[in-house]
Amino acid sequence: MSAGLRCFFAVPAPTAVIQEALRAQRELAGDPVLKKLRWVRREQMHVTLRFIGEVAPEALADWQALTRSTAALVPSGNARLGLVDAFPSKKRSRVIVAHIDDLDGTLQALEKELSAGAVALGLARERRAFAPHLTLGRLRSPCNLQASLDAWRLEPIVFSIRELCLYRSELRPEGARHHIEERARLRASE
């Protein structure tokens, strides 16, 4: 077992968004094609900005400082809960998600600053394009969910992005548990 801390940066999902995601999960669970899906629990719902991976305990302060400095640079903004989709595609689904529409560019700005800071702290550049989303569920093996997912709609809830968090993820047999290691308010909008 590694002595490192498994960490990532994220924006917490507000209550209204979580409630809508849970409603979608309940309705989607009735679809026989989706019986194999492992649903994300309420306490795991957030918008991931940058996965860090294993962090040495003595380096945690550097990542906490990056959380604070990034939040101080990026103004707060708004986002909207979007369409239900799947990664890598609906025809080869592994992860069911709700897209998040970045209305003011706040999520993109946070991801850009965090990625630059992560590279400065020794992480490799992220190769995948950033796609803001809220994970709803996961499959162990790819499945064609095109027909099932095309029929679902989410309430397009607009919500404020006002804080950035550094999370530590503790992997357990029953699922990951997330702990906030640093919480920082974003700069006030102008």
N, C-alpha and C. Protein backbone atom coordinates (compact mmCIF):
# COMPACT_ATOMS: atom_id res chain seq x y z
N MET A 1 0.84 -1.19 0.00
CA MET A 1 0.00 0.00 0.00
C MET A 1 0.87 1.23 0.00
N SER A 2 0.49 2.19 -0.84
CA SER A 2 1.26 3.42 -0.96
C SER A 2 1.04 4.32 0.25
N ALA A 3 2.09 5.05 0.60
CA ALA A 3 1.98 5.98 1.72
C ALA A 3 1.46 7.33 1.24
N GLY A 4 1.28 7.48 -0.08
CA GLY A 4 0.82 8.75 -0.64
C GLY A 4 -0.67 8.96 -0.43
N LEU A 5 -1.09 10.19 -0.66
CA LEU A 5 -2.49 10.58 -0.56
C LEU A 5 -3.02 10.75 -1.98
N ARG A 6 -4.12 10.10 -2.30
CA ARG A 6 -4.71 10.18 -3.65
C ARG A 6 -5.57 11.45 -3.69
N CYS A 7 -5.17 12.43 -4.50
CA CYS A 7 -5.82 13.75 -4.46
C CYS A 7 -6.31 14.22 -5.83
N PHE A 8 -7.25 15.16 -5.79
CA PHE A 8 -7.76 15.80 -7.01
C PHE A 8 -8.37 17.14 -6.64
N PHE A 9 -8.50 18.01 -7.65
CA PHE A 9 -9.15 19.30 -7.48
C PHE A 9 -10.57 19.20 -8.03
N ALA A 10 -11.53 19.82 -7.34
CA ALA A 10 -12.91 19.79 -7.81
C ALA A 10 -13.70 20.96 -7.25
N VAL A 11 -14.84 21.19 -7.89
CA VAL A 11 -15.83 22.14 -7.41
C VAL A 11 -16.96 21.31 -6.83
N PRO A 12 -17.35 21.54 -5.58
CA PRO A 12 -18.45 20.76 -5.00
C PRO A 12 -19.77 21.04 -5.73
N ALA A 13 -20.58 20.02 -5.88
CA ALA A 13 -21.89 20.19 -6.50
C ALA A 13 -22.86 20.74 -5.47
N PRO A 14 -23.65 21.77 -5.82
CA PRO A 14 -24.63 22.30 -4.87
C PRO A 14 -25.80 21.33 -4.68
N THR A 15 -26.55 21.53 -3.62
CA THR A 15 -27.65 20.64 -3.26
C THR A 15 -28.65 20.44 -4.39
N ALA A 16 -29.06 21.50 -5.06
CA ALA A 16 -30.07 21.37 -6.13
C ALA A 16 -29.56 20.49 -7.26
N VAL A 17 -28.29 20.60 -7.60
CA VAL A 17 -27.70 19.77 -8.66
C VAL A 17 -27.62 18.31 -8.20
N ILE A 18 -27.22 18.09 -6.97
CA ILE A 18 -27.16 16.73 -6.43
C ILE A 18 -28.54 16.10 -6.43
N GLN A 19 -29.56 16.84 -6.01
CA GLN A 19 -30.93 16.30 -5.99
C GLN A 19 -31.40 15.93 -7.39
N GLU A 20 -31.08 16.75 -8.39
CA GLU A 20 -31.45 16.44 -9.77
C GLU A 20 -30.68 15.22 -10.28
N ALA A 21 -29.41 15.10 -9.91
CA ALA A 21 -28.62 13.94 -10.31
C ALA A 21 -29.18 12.67 -9.66
N LEU A 22 -29.56 12.75 -8.41
CA LEU A 22 -30.14 11.58 -7.72
C LEU A 22 -31.48 11.20 -8.34
N ARG A 23 -32.28 12.19 -8.74
CA ARG A 23 -33.55 11.91 -9.42
C ARG A 23 -33.27 11.17 -10.73
N ALA A 24 -32.29 11.64 -11.48
CA ALA A 24 -31.93 10.98 -12.74
C ALA A 24 -31.45 9.56 -12.49
N GLN A 25 -30.65 9.37 -11.45
CA GLN A 25 -30.19 8.02 -11.12
C GLN A 25 -31.36 7.09 -10.83
N ARG A 26 -32.33 7.56 -10.04
CA ARG A 26 -33.50 6.73 -9.71
C ARG A 26 -34.27 6.34 -10.97
N GLU A 27 -34.47 7.30 -11.86
CA GLU A 27 -35.21 7.01 -13.08
C GLU A 27 -34.41 6.13 -14.03
N LEU A 28 -33.13 6.40 -14.17
CA LEU A 28 -32.29 5.59 -15.04
C LEU A 28 -32.16 4.15 -14.51
N ALA A 29 -32.21 3.99 -13.19
CA ALA A 29 -32.08 2.65 -12.60
C ALA A 29 -33.21 1.72 -13.03
N GLY A 30 -34.33 2.30 -13.47
CA GLY A 30 -35.44 1.48 -13.93
C GLY A 30 -35.24 0.89 -15.32
N ASP A 31 -34.22 1.37 -16.03
CA ASP A 31 -33.93 0.87 -17.37
C ASP A 31 -33.17 -0.45 -17.25
N PRO A 32 -33.72 -1.56 -17.81
CA PRO A 32 -33.05 -2.86 -17.67
C PRO A 32 -31.64 -2.89 -18.25
N VAL A 33 -31.35 -2.06 -19.23
CA VAL A 33 -30.01 -2.02 -19.83
C VAL A 33 -28.99 -1.47 -18.83
N LEU A 34 -29.46 -0.67 -17.88
CA LEU A 34 -28.55 -0.02 -16.93
C LEU A 34 -28.42 -0.74 -15.60
N LYS A 35 -28.89 -1.97 -15.51
CA LYS A 35 -28.84 -2.73 -14.25
C LYS A 35 -27.41 -2.96 -13.74
N LYS A 36 -26.43 -3.00 -14.66
CA LYS A 36 -25.04 -3.28 -14.26
C LYS A 36 -24.30 -2.04 -13.79
N LEU A 37 -24.94 -0.90 -13.86
CA LEU A 37 -24.30 0.36 -13.50
C LEU A 37 -24.08 0.45 -11.99
N ARG A 38 -22.92 0.95 -11.59
CA ARG A 38 -22.65 1.24 -10.18
C ARG A 38 -22.80 2.74 -10.02
N TRP A 39 -23.83 3.16 -9.29
CA TRP A 39 -24.17 4.58 -9.17
C TRP A 39 -23.25 5.29 -8.18
N VAL A 40 -22.95 6.53 -8.49
CA VAL A 40 -22.15 7.38 -7.62
C VAL A 40 -23.04 7.86 -6.47
N ARG A 41 -22.50 7.79 -5.26
CA ARG A 41 -23.26 8.23 -4.08
C ARG A 41 -23.25 9.76 -3.98
N ARG A 42 -24.23 10.28 -3.29
CA ARG A 42 -24.42 11.73 -3.08
C ARG A 42 -23.13 12.41 -2.63
N GLU A 43 -22.44 11.83 -1.68
CA GLU A 43 -21.24 12.47 -1.13
C GLU A 43 -20.04 12.44 -2.08
N GLN A 44 -20.16 11.75 -3.20
CA GLN A 44 -19.08 11.70 -4.19
C GLN A 44 -19.33 12.63 -5.37
N MET A 45 -20.41 13.39 -5.34
CA MET A 45 -20.77 14.24 -6.49
C MET A 45 -20.06 15.59 -6.43
N HIS A 46 -19.29 15.84 -7.48
CA HIS A 46 -18.51 17.06 -7.62
C HIS A 46 -18.13 17.19 -9.09
N VAL A 47 -17.59 18.33 -9.46
CA VAL A 47 -17.10 18.55 -10.81
C VAL A 47 -15.57 18.52 -10.74
N THR A 48 -14.98 17.42 -11.18
CA THR A 48 -13.52 17.27 -11.12
C THR A 48 -12.87 18.21 -12.13
N LEU A 49 -11.85 18.93 -11.67
CA LEU A 49 -11.11 19.85 -12.52
C LEU A 49 -9.77 19.27 -12.96
N ARG A 50 -9.09 18.60 -12.04
CA ARG A 50 -7.77 18.03 -12.35
C ARG A 50 -7.47 16.93 -11.35
N PHE A 51 -7.22 15.73 -11.87
CA PHE A 51 -6.79 14.62 -11.02
C PHE A 51 -5.30 14.76 -10.80
N ILE A 52 -4.86 14.61 -9.56
CA ILE A 52 -3.45 14.74 -9.22
C ILE A 52 -2.80 13.36 -9.12
N GLY A 53 -3.45 12.46 -8.40
CA GLY A 53 -2.86 11.15 -8.15
C GLY A 53 -2.26 11.12 -6.76
N GLU A 54 -1.21 10.32 -6.61
CA GLU A 54 -0.57 10.15 -5.31
C GLU A 54 0.29 11.37 -4.95
N VAL A 55 0.02 11.90 -3.77
CA VAL A 55 0.76 13.05 -3.24
C VAL A 55 1.44 12.60 -1.95
N ALA A 56 2.73 12.86 -1.86
CA ALA A 56 3.45 12.56 -0.61
C ALA A 56 2.89 13.46 0.48
N PRO A 57 2.66 12.92 1.69
CA PRO A 57 2.10 13.75 2.77
C PRO A 57 2.88 15.04 3.00
N GLU A 58 4.19 15.00 2.85
CA GLU A 58 4.99 16.21 3.07
C GLU A 58 4.82 17.24 1.95
N ALA A 59 4.25 16.83 0.80
CA ALA A 59 4.01 17.76 -0.31
C ALA A 59 2.58 18.30 -0.32
N LEU A 60 1.74 17.85 0.59
CA LEU A 60 0.34 18.28 0.61
C LEU A 60 0.21 19.80 0.73
N ALA A 61 1.07 20.43 1.50
CA ALA A 61 1.01 21.89 1.68
C ALA A 61 1.18 22.63 0.35
N ASP A 62 1.99 22.09 -0.56
CA ASP A 62 2.16 22.72 -1.88
C ASP A 62 0.86 22.69 -2.66
N TRP A 63 0.14 21.58 -2.59
CA TRP A 63 -1.13 21.44 -3.32
C TRP A 63 -2.22 22.30 -2.67
N GLN A 64 -2.17 22.42 -1.35
CA GLN A 64 -3.11 23.30 -0.66
C GLN A 64 -2.84 24.76 -1.06
N ALA A 65 -1.59 25.13 -1.17
CA ALA A 65 -1.23 26.49 -1.58
C ALA A 65 -1.70 26.75 -3.02
N LEU A 66 -1.58 25.75 -3.90
CA LEU A 66 -2.05 25.90 -5.27
C LEU A 66 -3.57 26.10 -5.30
N THR A 67 -4.28 25.43 -4.42
CA THR A 67 -5.73 25.62 -4.31
C THR A 67 -6.05 27.07 -3.98
N ARG A 68 -5.40 27.61 -2.98
CA ARG A 68 -5.66 28.99 -2.55
C ARG A 68 -5.24 30.01 -3.61
N SER A 69 -4.07 29.82 -4.20
CA SER A 69 -3.60 30.81 -5.19
C SER A 69 -4.47 30.79 -6.44
N THR A 70 -4.93 29.62 -6.85
CA THR A 70 -5.80 29.53 -8.03
C THR A 70 -7.14 30.20 -7.74
N ALA A 71 -7.70 29.92 -6.58
CA ALA A 71 -8.99 30.53 -6.22
C ALA A 71 -8.88 32.05 -6.17
N ALA A 72 -7.74 32.56 -5.74
CA ALA A 72 -7.55 34.02 -5.66
C ALA A 72 -7.46 34.66 -7.05
N LEU A 73 -7.06 33.89 -8.06
CA LEU A 73 -6.92 34.41 -9.42
C LEU A 73 -8.20 34.38 -10.24
N VAL A 74 -9.05 33.37 -10.00
CA VAL A 74 -10.20 33.12 -10.87
C VAL A 74 -11.48 33.68 -10.24
N PRO A 75 -12.21 34.51 -11.00
CA PRO A 75 -13.46 35.04 -10.46
C PRO A 75 -14.57 34.00 -10.45
N SER A 76 -15.47 34.13 -9.49
CA SER A 76 -16.61 33.22 -9.41
C SER A 76 -17.47 33.38 -10.66
N GLY A 77 -18.28 32.37 -10.94
CA GLY A 77 -19.12 32.41 -12.14
C GLY A 77 -20.28 31.46 -12.02
N ASN A 78 -20.86 31.14 -13.15
CA ASN A 78 -22.04 30.28 -13.19
C ASN A 78 -21.85 29.13 -14.17
N ALA A 79 -22.55 28.04 -13.87
CA ALA A 79 -22.56 26.87 -14.74
C ALA A 79 -23.98 26.34 -14.77
N ARG A 80 -24.23 25.41 -15.69
CA ARG A 80 -25.58 24.85 -15.81
C ARG A 80 -25.47 23.34 -16.02
N LEU A 81 -26.35 22.62 -15.31
CA LEU A 81 -26.44 21.18 -15.49
C LEU A 81 -26.92 20.92 -16.91
N GLY A 82 -26.21 20.05 -17.62
CA GLY A 82 -26.51 19.81 -19.03
C GLY A 82 -27.06 18.43 -19.31
N LEU A 83 -26.73 17.89 -20.46
CA LEU A 83 -27.28 16.64 -20.95
C LEU A 83 -26.64 15.42 -20.29
N VAL A 84 -27.39 14.32 -20.24
CA VAL A 84 -26.85 13.04 -19.81
C VAL A 84 -26.06 12.47 -20.99
N ASP A 85 -24.88 11.97 -20.72
CA ASP A 85 -24.01 11.45 -21.77
C ASP A 85 -23.18 10.31 -21.19
N ALA A 86 -22.22 9.84 -21.96
CA ALA A 86 -21.34 8.77 -21.50
C ALA A 86 -19.94 8.97 -22.05
N PHE A 87 -18.96 8.51 -21.30
CA PHE A 87 -17.56 8.51 -21.75
C PHE A 87 -17.14 7.07 -21.94
N PRO A 88 -16.34 6.70 -22.90
CA PRO A 88 -15.83 7.58 -23.94
C PRO A 88 -16.87 7.93 -25.00
N SER A 89 -17.94 7.13 -25.13
CA SER A 89 -19.04 7.44 -26.05
C SER A 89 -20.27 6.67 -25.59
N LYS A 90 -21.44 7.03 -26.11
CA LYS A 90 -22.66 6.33 -25.74
C LYS A 90 -22.66 4.88 -26.24
N LYS A 91 -21.94 4.63 -27.33
CA LYS A 91 -21.90 3.27 -27.89
C LYS A 91 -20.90 2.37 -27.17
N ARG A 92 -19.94 2.97 -26.48
CA ARG A 92 -18.96 2.19 -25.70
C ARG A 92 -18.85 2.81 -24.31
N SER A 93 -19.98 2.90 -23.64
CA SER A 93 -20.07 3.60 -22.36
C SER A 93 -19.33 2.87 -21.24
N ARG A 94 -18.57 3.64 -20.49
CA ARG A 94 -17.93 3.16 -19.26
C ARG A 94 -18.36 4.02 -18.08
N VAL A 95 -18.61 5.32 -18.35
CA VAL A 95 -18.97 6.27 -17.30
C VAL A 95 -20.18 7.07 -17.79
N ILE A 96 -21.24 7.12 -16.97
CA ILE A 96 -22.43 7.92 -17.28
C ILE A 96 -22.26 9.26 -16.57
N VAL A 97 -22.46 10.34 -17.31
CA VAL A 97 -22.21 11.68 -16.77
C VAL A 97 -23.34 12.64 -17.11
N ALA A 98 -23.38 13.71 -16.37
CA ALA A 98 -24.20 14.88 -16.72
C ALA A 98 -23.20 15.95 -17.11
N HIS A 99 -23.28 16.43 -18.34
CA HIS A 99 -22.38 17.51 -18.76
C HIS A 99 -22.70 18.77 -17.96
N ILE A 100 -21.68 19.57 -17.75
CA ILE A 100 -21.84 20.86 -17.07
C ILE A 100 -21.46 21.94 -18.09
N ASP A 101 -22.41 22.83 -18.38
CA ASP A 101 -22.15 23.94 -19.29
C ASP A 101 -21.48 25.06 -18.51
N ASP A 102 -20.29 25.43 -18.94
CA ASP A 102 -19.47 26.44 -18.27
C ASP A 102 -19.87 27.82 -18.79
N LEU A 103 -20.89 28.43 -18.20
CA LEU A 103 -21.51 29.64 -18.73
C LEU A 103 -20.58 30.86 -18.78
N ASP A 104 -19.71 31.01 -17.80
CA ASP A 104 -18.84 32.18 -17.72
C ASP A 104 -17.37 31.84 -17.96
N GLY A 105 -17.06 30.59 -18.26
CA GLY A 105 -15.67 30.19 -18.46
C GLY A 105 -14.91 29.96 -17.16
N THR A 106 -15.60 29.97 -16.04
CA THR A 106 -14.95 29.80 -14.73
C THR A 106 -14.28 28.44 -14.61
N LEU A 107 -14.98 27.38 -15.01
CA LEU A 107 -14.41 26.03 -14.89
C LEU A 107 -13.19 25.87 -15.78
N GLN A 108 -13.25 26.41 -16.99
CA GLN A 108 -12.10 26.35 -17.91
C GLN A 108 -10.92 27.11 -17.31
N ALA A 109 -11.18 28.28 -16.74
CA ALA A 109 -10.10 29.08 -16.15
C ALA A 109 -9.47 28.36 -14.96
N LEU A 110 -10.32 27.75 -14.12
CA LEU A 110 -9.79 26.99 -12.98
C LEU A 110 -8.92 25.84 -13.45
N GLU A 111 -9.43 25.08 -14.42
CA GLU A 111 -8.67 23.92 -14.92
C GLU A 111 -7.35 24.36 -15.52
N LYS A 112 -7.35 25.44 -16.27
CA LYS A 112 -6.12 25.94 -16.91
C LYS A 112 -5.08 26.32 -15.86
N GLU A 113 -5.50 27.08 -14.84
CA GLU A 113 -4.58 27.50 -13.78
C GLU A 113 -4.08 26.32 -12.96
N LEU A 114 -4.99 25.40 -12.63
CA LEU A 114 -4.59 24.23 -11.84
C LEU A 114 -3.63 23.33 -12.62
N SER A 115 -3.90 23.16 -13.92
CA SER A 115 -3.02 22.32 -14.73
C SER A 115 -1.62 22.93 -14.84
N ALA A 116 -1.55 24.25 -15.03
CA ALA A 116 -0.25 24.91 -15.09
C ALA A 116 0.49 24.75 -13.75
N GLY A 117 -0.24 24.91 -12.65
CA GLY A 117 0.36 24.74 -11.33
C GLY A 117 0.79 23.31 -11.08
N ALA A 118 -0.01 22.35 -11.55
CA ALA A 118 0.33 20.94 -11.37
C ALA A 118 1.60 20.58 -12.14
N VAL A 119 1.74 21.13 -13.34
CA VAL A 119 2.96 20.88 -14.13
C VAL A 119 4.16 21.48 -13.39
N ALA A 120 4.00 22.68 -12.83
CA ALA A 120 5.08 23.31 -12.08
C ALA A 120 5.48 22.49 -10.85
N LEU A 121 4.51 21.72 -10.33
CA LEU A 121 4.79 20.87 -9.17
C LEU A 121 5.23 19.45 -9.57
N GLY A 122 5.43 19.25 -10.88
CA GLY A 122 6.01 17.98 -11.33
C GLY A 122 5.08 17.00 -12.01
N LEU A 123 3.81 17.33 -12.18
CA LEU A 123 2.89 16.43 -12.87
C LEU A 123 3.02 16.59 -14.38
N ALA A 124 2.73 15.53 -15.09
CA ALA A 124 2.73 15.60 -16.56
C ALA A 124 1.50 16.38 -17.01
N ARG A 125 1.58 16.97 -18.20
CA ARG A 125 0.43 17.66 -18.78
C ARG A 125 -0.69 16.66 -19.03
N GLU A 126 -1.92 17.10 -18.81
CA GLU A 126 -3.09 16.27 -19.10
C GLU A 126 -3.25 16.18 -20.61
N ARG A 127 -3.42 14.96 -21.13
CA ARG A 127 -3.54 14.79 -22.58
C ARG A 127 -4.97 14.91 -23.08
N ARG A 128 -5.92 14.60 -22.21
CA ARG A 128 -7.33 14.69 -22.61
C ARG A 128 -7.83 16.12 -22.46
N ALA A 129 -8.72 16.49 -23.38
CA ALA A 129 -9.35 17.81 -23.28
C ALA A 129 -10.27 17.83 -22.06
N PHE A 130 -10.34 18.97 -21.41
CA PHE A 130 -11.19 19.12 -20.23
C PHE A 130 -12.65 19.20 -20.66
N ALA A 131 -13.50 18.38 -20.06
CA ALA A 131 -14.94 18.35 -20.34
C ALA A 131 -15.66 18.36 -19.00
N PRO A 132 -16.12 19.52 -18.52
CA PRO A 132 -16.78 19.58 -17.21
C PRO A 132 -17.99 18.66 -17.15
N HIS A 133 -18.05 17.85 -16.09
CA HIS A 133 -19.16 16.91 -15.95
C HIS A 133 -19.32 16.49 -14.49
N LEU A 134 -20.46 15.90 -14.22
CA LEU A 134 -20.79 15.32 -12.93
C LEU A 134 -20.99 13.83 -13.19
N THR A 135 -20.21 12.98 -12.57
CA THR A 135 -20.34 11.53 -12.79
C THR A 135 -21.58 11.01 -12.07
N LEU A 136 -22.38 10.23 -12.81
CA LEU A 136 -23.59 9.61 -12.25
C LEU A 136 -23.37 8.14 -11.93
N GLY A 137 -22.62 7.44 -12.77
CA GLY A 137 -22.41 6.02 -12.55
C GLY A 137 -21.30 5.47 -13.43
N ARG A 138 -20.86 4.23 -13.09
CA ARG A 138 -19.77 3.58 -13.82
C ARG A 138 -20.12 2.14 -14.15
N LEU A 139 -19.57 1.67 -15.27
CA LEU A 139 -19.71 0.28 -15.69
C LEU A 139 -18.34 -0.39 -15.66
N ARG A 140 -18.31 -1.66 -15.32
CA ARG A 140 -17.03 -2.38 -15.32
C ARG A 140 -16.54 -2.65 -16.74
N SER A 141 -17.46 -2.92 -17.65
CA SER A 141 -17.07 -3.17 -19.04
C SER A 141 -17.94 -2.32 -19.96
N PRO A 142 -17.40 -1.95 -21.12
CA PRO A 142 -18.14 -1.06 -22.04
C PRO A 142 -19.48 -1.65 -22.47
N CYS A 143 -20.43 -0.75 -22.67
CA CYS A 143 -21.79 -1.16 -23.03
C CYS A 143 -22.39 -0.10 -23.96
N ASN A 144 -23.22 -0.50 -24.90
CA ASN A 144 -23.88 0.43 -25.80
C ASN A 144 -25.13 0.97 -25.10
N LEU A 145 -25.10 2.22 -24.70
CA LEU A 145 -26.21 2.85 -23.99
C LEU A 145 -26.86 3.97 -24.80
N GLN A 146 -26.58 4.00 -26.09
CA GLN A 146 -27.10 5.06 -26.96
C GLN A 146 -28.60 5.26 -26.78
N ALA A 147 -29.39 4.22 -26.97
CA ALA A 147 -30.86 4.35 -26.91
C ALA A 147 -31.33 4.73 -25.50
N SER A 148 -30.73 4.15 -24.49
CA SER A 148 -31.14 4.43 -23.11
C SER A 148 -30.88 5.88 -22.72
N LEU A 149 -29.70 6.40 -23.07
CA LEU A 149 -29.32 7.74 -22.63
C LEU A 149 -29.94 8.85 -23.47
N ASP A 150 -30.22 8.58 -24.74
CA ASP A 150 -30.81 9.61 -25.60
C ASP A 150 -32.19 10.04 -25.11
N ALA A 151 -32.86 9.17 -24.36
CA ALA A 151 -34.22 9.47 -23.90
C ALA A 151 -34.25 10.32 -22.62
N TRP A 152 -33.12 10.52 -21.96
CA TRP A 152 -33.11 11.19 -20.65
C TRP A 152 -32.75 12.65 -20.72
N ARG A 153 -33.43 13.43 -19.92
CA ARG A 153 -33.17 14.87 -19.83
C ARG A 153 -33.03 15.25 -18.35
N LEU A 154 -32.19 16.21 -18.10
CA LEU A 154 -32.02 16.76 -16.76
C LEU A 154 -32.59 18.17 -16.74
N GLU A 155 -33.05 18.57 -15.58
CA GLU A 155 -33.48 19.96 -15.40
C GLU A 155 -32.23 20.84 -15.55
N PRO A 156 -32.24 21.84 -16.44
CA PRO A 156 -31.04 22.65 -16.67
C PRO A 156 -30.81 23.67 -15.55
N ILE A 157 -30.43 23.19 -14.40
CA ILE A 157 -30.24 24.04 -13.22
C ILE A 157 -28.97 24.88 -13.37
N VAL A 158 -29.12 26.20 -13.19
CA VAL A 158 -27.97 27.11 -13.19
C VAL A 158 -27.50 27.23 -11.74
N PHE A 159 -26.18 27.14 -11.56
CA PHE A 159 -25.64 27.23 -10.20
C PHE A 159 -24.35 28.05 -10.20
N SER A 160 -24.04 28.58 -9.03
CA SER A 160 -22.85 29.41 -8.86
C SER A 160 -21.63 28.56 -8.55
N ILE A 161 -20.51 28.99 -9.08
CA ILE A 161 -19.22 28.37 -8.76
C ILE A 161 -18.48 29.39 -7.92
N ARG A 162 -18.36 29.12 -6.64
CA ARG A 162 -17.79 30.10 -5.72
C ARG A 162 -16.60 29.58 -4.93
N GLU A 163 -16.36 28.25 -5.00
CA GLU A 163 -15.23 27.73 -4.25
C GLU A 163 -14.54 26.59 -4.99
N LEU A 164 -13.30 26.40 -4.64
CA LEU A 164 -12.45 25.35 -5.19
C LEU A 164 -11.99 24.50 -4.02
N CYS A 165 -11.97 23.18 -4.23
CA CYS A 165 -11.54 22.29 -3.16
C CYS A 165 -10.45 21.34 -3.64
N LEU A 166 -9.55 21.04 -2.74
CA LEU A 166 -8.57 19.97 -2.91
C LEU A 166 -9.11 18.79 -2.12
N TYR A 167 -9.41 17.70 -2.80
CA TYR A 167 -9.96 16.52 -2.16
C TYR A 167 -8.89 15.44 -2.03
N ARG A 168 -9.04 14.64 -0.97
CA ARG A 168 -8.26 13.42 -0.81
C ARG A 168 -9.26 12.28 -0.95
N SER A 169 -8.92 11.30 -1.74
CA SER A 169 -9.80 10.17 -1.98
C SER A 169 -9.25 8.93 -1.30
N GLU A 170 -10.06 8.34 -0.46
CA GLU A 170 -9.68 7.12 0.25
C GLU A 170 -10.43 5.96 -0.40
N LEU A 171 -9.70 5.07 -1.06
CA LEU A 171 -10.33 3.95 -1.76
C LEU A 171 -10.68 2.85 -0.76
N ARG A 172 -11.93 2.39 -0.84
CA ARG A 172 -12.44 1.33 0.03
C ARG A 172 -13.22 0.33 -0.82
N PRO A 173 -13.39 -0.89 -0.34
CA PRO A 173 -14.15 -1.88 -1.12
C PRO A 173 -15.58 -1.43 -1.46
N GLU A 174 -16.20 -0.68 -0.57
CA GLU A 174 -17.58 -0.22 -0.80
C GLU A 174 -17.64 1.06 -1.63
N GLY A 175 -16.49 1.59 -2.02
CA GLY A 175 -16.44 2.81 -2.82
C GLY A 175 -15.53 3.84 -2.18
N ALA A 176 -15.13 4.80 -2.96
CA ALA A 176 -14.22 5.84 -2.47
C ALA A 176 -14.93 6.78 -1.49
N ARG A 177 -14.17 7.25 -0.53
CA ARG A 177 -14.63 8.30 0.39
C ARG A 177 -13.76 9.52 0.12
N HIS A 178 -14.41 10.67 0.02
CA HIS A 178 -13.68 11.91 -0.28
C HIS A 178 -13.64 12.80 0.96
N HIS A 179 -12.46 13.37 1.18
CA HIS A 179 -12.23 14.29 2.31
C HIS A 179 -11.66 15.58 1.74
N ILE A 180 -12.16 16.71 2.18
CA ILE A 180 -11.64 18.00 1.72
C ILE A 180 -10.39 18.36 2.53
N GLU A 181 -9.30 18.54 1.81
CA GLU A 181 -8.02 18.91 2.44
C GLU A 181 -7.79 20.41 2.43
N GLU A 182 -8.43 21.10 1.47
CA GLU A 182 -8.34 22.56 1.39
C GLU A 182 -9.57 23.08 0.67
N ARG A 183 -10.12 24.17 1.17
CA ARG A 183 -11.29 24.81 0.57
C ARG A 183 -10.97 26.29 0.44
N ALA A 184 -11.15 26.85 -0.77
CA ALA A 184 -10.82 28.26 -0.98
C ALA A 184 -11.92 28.94 -1.79
N ARG A 185 -12.32 30.13 -1.36
CA ARG A 185 -13.33 30.93 -2.08
C ARG A 185 -12.70 31.53 -3.33
N LEU A 186 -13.45 31.50 -4.43
CA LEU A 186 -12.98 32.15 -5.65
C LEU A 186 -13.07 33.66 -5.48
N ARG A 187 -12.29 34.36 -6.30
CA ARG A 187 -12.31 35.82 -6.29
C ARG A 187 -13.71 36.29 -6.66
N ALA A 188 -14.18 37.36 -6.07
CA ALA A 188 -15.51 37.90 -6.38
C ALA A 188 -15.56 38.36 -7.83
N SER A 189 -16.70 38.13 -8.47
CA SER A 189 -16.89 38.58 -9.87
C SER A 189 -16.86 40.09 -9.91
N GLU A 190 -16.43 40.61 -11.05
CA GLU A 190 -16.36 42.07 -11.19
C GLU A 190 -17.60 42.61 -11.85
